[in-house]
Amino acid sequence: MRSLNDIYSLLVNKRKTIRVNPRLFLVFCILLICGVCACKEEKECKVVVTETEYVLEHNGNYTFSLNAKGKVKNIGEVDLKKLL
């Protein structure tokens, strides 16, 4: 049987030290810095919608559909890729 001192030392002395490989830590820091530096501010696309026309359709007892038509003109620096 274990004595009370042995049980107490098992319960109290559960501190474990973490050993870090310095090379691994250095590589992790370099990758973290590269990731932060690679973040660039994204430019926004600016558009103007002209000649708009809206049509409200009654599809069922409780459903309606709003259809819109118009011309889209890109006035920003970035190309417009997708418009929903």
N, C-alpha and C. Protein backbone atom coordinates (compact mmCIF):
# COMPACT_ATOMS: atom_id res chain seq x y z
N MET A 1 0.82 -1.18 0.00
CA MET A 1 0.00 0.00 0.00
C MET A 1 0.87 1.24 0.00
N ARG A 2 0.37 2.24 -0.65
CA ARG A 2 1.11 3.49 -0.68
C ARG A 2 0.79 4.30 0.56
N SER A 3 1.78 5.05 0.95
CA SER A 3 1.56 5.89 2.12
C SER A 3 0.85 7.17 1.71
N LEU A 4 0.37 7.91 2.65
CA LEU A 4 -0.32 9.17 2.38
C LEU A 4 0.61 10.18 1.73
N ASN A 5 1.89 10.16 2.07
CA ASN A 5 2.84 11.09 1.47
C ASN A 5 3.01 10.81 -0.03
N ASP A 6 3.01 9.53 -0.40
CA ASP A 6 3.13 9.18 -1.82
C ASP A 6 1.90 9.65 -2.61
N ILE A 7 0.73 9.43 -2.03
CA ILE A 7 -0.49 9.86 -2.70
C ILE A 7 -0.54 11.37 -2.81
N TYR A 8 -0.15 12.06 -1.75
CA TYR A 8 -0.14 13.52 -1.78
C TYR A 8 0.84 14.04 -2.82
N SER A 9 2.01 13.43 -2.89
CA SER A 9 3.01 13.90 -3.87
C SER A 9 2.53 13.64 -5.30
N LEU A 10 1.77 12.56 -5.53
CA LEU A 10 1.22 12.30 -6.86
C LEU A 10 0.16 13.34 -7.24
N LEU A 11 -0.65 13.74 -6.27
CA LEU A 11 -1.70 14.70 -6.55
C LEU A 11 -1.18 16.12 -6.72
N VAL A 12 -0.20 16.51 -5.91
CA VAL A 12 0.29 17.89 -5.91
C VAL A 12 1.31 18.11 -7.00
N ASN A 13 2.19 17.19 -7.25
CA ASN A 13 3.30 17.38 -8.18
C ASN A 13 2.94 16.91 -9.59
N LYS A 14 1.85 17.41 -10.13
CA LYS A 14 1.47 17.04 -11.50
C LYS A 14 1.89 18.10 -12.49
N ARG A 15 2.81 18.93 -12.12
CA ARG A 15 3.30 19.96 -13.05
C ARG A 15 4.20 19.30 -14.10
N LYS A 16 3.91 19.60 -15.32
CA LYS A 16 4.74 19.08 -16.40
C LYS A 16 5.29 20.26 -17.17
N THR A 17 6.54 20.21 -17.49
CA THR A 17 7.14 21.28 -18.27
C THR A 17 7.06 20.92 -19.75
N ILE A 18 6.84 21.92 -20.55
CA ILE A 18 6.75 21.72 -21.99
C ILE A 18 8.08 22.14 -22.60
N ARG A 19 8.68 21.24 -23.30
CA ARG A 19 9.94 21.54 -23.96
C ARG A 19 9.67 21.82 -25.42
N VAL A 20 10.14 22.98 -25.88
CA VAL A 20 9.91 23.40 -27.24
C VAL A 20 11.22 23.37 -28.00
N ASN A 21 11.18 22.77 -29.17
CA ASN A 21 12.35 22.74 -30.02
C ASN A 21 12.57 24.16 -30.56
N PRO A 22 13.76 24.76 -30.35
CA PRO A 22 13.98 26.14 -30.79
C PRO A 22 13.85 26.32 -32.30
N ARG A 23 14.27 25.34 -33.08
CA ARG A 23 14.15 25.44 -34.54
C ARG A 23 12.69 25.44 -34.97
N LEU A 24 11.90 24.58 -34.35
CA LEU A 24 10.48 24.52 -34.66
C LEU A 24 9.79 25.82 -34.27
N PHE A 25 10.17 26.37 -33.13
CA PHE A 25 9.60 27.64 -32.69
C PHE A 25 9.96 28.77 -33.65
N LEU A 26 11.20 28.79 -34.13
CA LEU A 26 11.64 29.80 -35.07
C LEU A 26 10.89 29.70 -36.40
N VAL A 27 10.71 28.49 -36.90
CA VAL A 27 9.96 28.28 -38.15
C VAL A 27 8.52 28.73 -37.97
N PHE A 28 7.91 28.41 -36.84
CA PHE A 28 6.54 28.83 -36.57
C PHE A 28 6.42 30.35 -36.55
N CYS A 29 7.37 31.03 -35.91
CA CYS A 29 7.34 32.49 -35.86
C CYS A 29 7.50 33.11 -37.24
N ILE A 30 8.39 32.56 -38.06
CA ILE A 30 8.59 33.08 -39.41
C ILE A 30 7.33 32.89 -40.25
N LEU A 31 6.69 31.73 -40.15
CA LEU A 31 5.45 31.50 -40.88
C LEU A 31 4.34 32.44 -40.41
N LEU A 32 4.28 32.70 -39.13
CA LEU A 32 3.27 33.61 -38.59
C LEU A 32 3.49 35.03 -39.10
N ILE A 33 4.73 35.48 -39.13
CA ILE A 33 5.04 36.82 -39.63
C ILE A 33 4.74 36.92 -41.13
N CYS A 34 5.07 35.88 -41.90
CA CYS A 34 4.77 35.89 -43.33
C CYS A 34 3.27 35.92 -43.58
N GLY A 35 2.51 35.22 -42.77
CA GLY A 35 1.06 35.21 -42.92
C GLY A 35 0.45 36.57 -42.62
N VAL A 36 0.98 37.26 -41.62
CA VAL A 36 0.46 38.58 -41.28
C VAL A 36 0.85 39.59 -42.35
N CYS A 37 2.05 39.50 -42.87
CA CYS A 37 2.51 40.44 -43.89
C CYS A 37 1.81 40.20 -45.23
N ALA A 38 1.36 38.99 -45.48
CA ALA A 38 0.72 38.68 -46.76
C ALA A 38 -0.71 39.20 -46.84
N CYS A 39 -1.30 39.55 -45.72
CA CYS A 39 -2.67 40.06 -45.74
C CYS A 39 -2.67 41.45 -46.36
N LYS A 40 -3.43 41.59 -47.41
CA LYS A 40 -3.53 42.88 -48.10
C LYS A 40 -4.95 43.38 -47.97
N GLU A 41 -5.10 44.67 -48.06
CA GLU A 41 -6.42 45.25 -48.00
C GLU A 41 -7.09 45.07 -49.36
N GLU A 42 -8.27 44.49 -49.35
CA GLU A 42 -8.97 44.23 -50.60
C GLU A 42 -9.68 45.50 -51.06
N LYS A 43 -9.63 45.74 -52.35
CA LYS A 43 -10.31 46.89 -52.92
C LYS A 43 -11.76 46.51 -53.19
N GLU A 44 -12.64 47.48 -53.08
CA GLU A 44 -14.05 47.24 -53.31
C GLU A 44 -14.44 47.69 -54.71
N CYS A 45 -15.38 46.99 -55.26
CA CYS A 45 -15.91 47.33 -56.57
C CYS A 45 -17.06 48.31 -56.39
N LYS A 46 -17.09 49.36 -57.20
CA LYS A 46 -18.15 50.35 -57.12
C LYS A 46 -18.96 50.30 -58.40
N VAL A 47 -20.28 50.21 -58.26
CA VAL A 47 -21.16 50.13 -59.43
C VAL A 47 -22.29 51.14 -59.29
N VAL A 48 -22.86 51.47 -60.43
CA VAL A 48 -24.04 52.32 -60.50
C VAL A 48 -25.09 51.56 -61.30
N VAL A 49 -26.30 51.46 -60.74
CA VAL A 49 -27.40 50.77 -61.43
C VAL A 49 -28.34 51.83 -61.96
N THR A 50 -28.58 51.81 -63.27
CA THR A 50 -29.47 52.78 -63.91
C THR A 50 -30.59 52.06 -64.64
N GLU A 51 -31.58 52.78 -65.03
CA GLU A 51 -32.73 52.27 -65.78
C GLU A 51 -33.32 51.03 -65.12
N THR A 52 -33.70 51.19 -63.87
CA THR A 52 -34.24 50.05 -63.13
C THR A 52 -35.73 49.87 -63.40
N GLU A 53 -36.14 48.61 -63.38
CA GLU A 53 -37.54 48.25 -63.57
C GLU A 53 -37.84 47.09 -62.63
N TYR A 54 -38.88 47.22 -61.81
CA TYR A 54 -39.24 46.19 -60.84
C TYR A 54 -40.61 45.62 -61.19
N VAL A 55 -40.72 44.29 -61.10
CA VAL A 55 -41.98 43.61 -61.38
C VAL A 55 -42.27 42.68 -60.20
N LEU A 56 -43.44 42.81 -59.59
CA LEU A 56 -43.85 41.96 -58.48
C LEU A 56 -44.84 40.93 -59.01
N GLU A 57 -44.49 39.63 -58.88
CA GLU A 57 -45.34 38.55 -59.39
C GLU A 57 -45.93 37.77 -58.22
N HIS A 58 -47.19 37.38 -58.38
CA HIS A 58 -47.88 36.57 -57.38
C HIS A 58 -47.77 35.11 -57.83
N ASN A 59 -46.97 34.29 -57.10
CA ASN A 59 -46.69 32.91 -57.52
C ASN A 59 -47.66 31.90 -56.92
N GLY A 60 -48.15 32.12 -55.76
CA GLY A 60 -49.03 31.16 -55.09
C GLY A 60 -49.92 31.91 -54.12
N ASN A 61 -50.50 31.16 -53.18
CA ASN A 61 -51.39 31.80 -52.21
C ASN A 61 -50.64 32.80 -51.33
N TYR A 62 -49.45 32.42 -50.89
CA TYR A 62 -48.70 33.26 -49.95
C TYR A 62 -47.32 33.63 -50.45
N THR A 63 -46.99 33.37 -51.70
CA THR A 63 -45.65 33.64 -52.20
C THR A 63 -45.67 34.71 -53.29
N PHE A 64 -44.68 35.56 -53.21
CA PHE A 64 -44.50 36.61 -54.19
C PHE A 64 -43.06 36.57 -54.68
N SER A 65 -42.83 37.08 -55.87
CA SER A 65 -41.50 37.13 -56.44
C SER A 65 -41.25 38.54 -56.96
N LEU A 66 -40.10 39.11 -56.59
CA LEU A 66 -39.74 40.45 -57.04
C LEU A 66 -38.64 40.31 -58.08
N ASN A 67 -38.90 40.69 -59.30
CA ASN A 67 -37.92 40.64 -60.38
C ASN A 67 -37.45 42.05 -60.67
N ALA A 68 -36.16 42.21 -60.86
CA ALA A 68 -35.60 43.53 -61.13
C ALA A 68 -34.74 43.47 -62.38
N LYS A 69 -34.84 44.52 -63.19
CA LYS A 69 -34.01 44.64 -64.39
C LYS A 69 -33.37 46.02 -64.36
N GLY A 70 -32.17 46.11 -64.91
CA GLY A 70 -31.49 47.39 -64.97
C GLY A 70 -30.14 47.27 -65.63
N LYS A 71 -29.50 48.40 -65.83
CA LYS A 71 -28.15 48.42 -66.40
C LYS A 71 -27.16 48.70 -65.28
N VAL A 72 -26.05 47.95 -65.30
CA VAL A 72 -25.02 48.08 -64.28
C VAL A 72 -23.78 48.67 -64.94
N LYS A 73 -23.24 49.73 -64.32
CA LYS A 73 -22.02 50.35 -64.83
C LYS A 73 -20.97 50.32 -63.73
N ASN A 74 -19.78 49.83 -64.08
CA ASN A 74 -18.67 49.74 -63.14
C ASN A 74 -17.94 51.08 -63.11
N ILE A 75 -17.86 51.72 -61.93
CA ILE A 75 -17.16 53.00 -61.81
C ILE A 75 -15.94 52.89 -60.91
N GLY A 76 -15.62 51.69 -60.43
CA GLY A 76 -14.49 51.49 -59.52
C GLY A 76 -13.24 51.07 -60.25
N GLU A 77 -12.18 50.89 -59.47
CA GLU A 77 -10.88 50.48 -60.01
C GLU A 77 -10.80 48.98 -60.26
N VAL A 78 -11.63 48.22 -59.58
CA VAL A 78 -11.58 46.75 -59.65
C VAL A 78 -12.64 46.29 -60.64
N ASP A 79 -12.33 45.22 -61.39
CA ASP A 79 -13.28 44.66 -62.34
C ASP A 79 -14.41 43.96 -61.60
N LEU A 80 -15.60 44.09 -62.15
CA LEU A 80 -16.78 43.44 -61.60
C LEU A 80 -16.83 42.01 -62.13
N LYS A 81 -16.77 41.02 -61.24
CA LYS A 81 -16.71 39.63 -61.68
C LYS A 81 -18.05 38.94 -61.62
N LYS A 82 -18.82 39.20 -60.56
CA LYS A 82 -20.06 38.47 -60.39
C LYS A 82 -21.09 39.38 -59.76
N LEU A 83 -22.29 39.37 -60.29
CA LEU A 83 -23.37 40.18 -59.75
C LEU A 83 -24.60 39.30 -59.63
N LEU A 84 -25.16 39.25 -58.44
CA LEU A 84 -26.35 38.45 -58.21
C LEU A 84 -27.56 39.34 -58.10
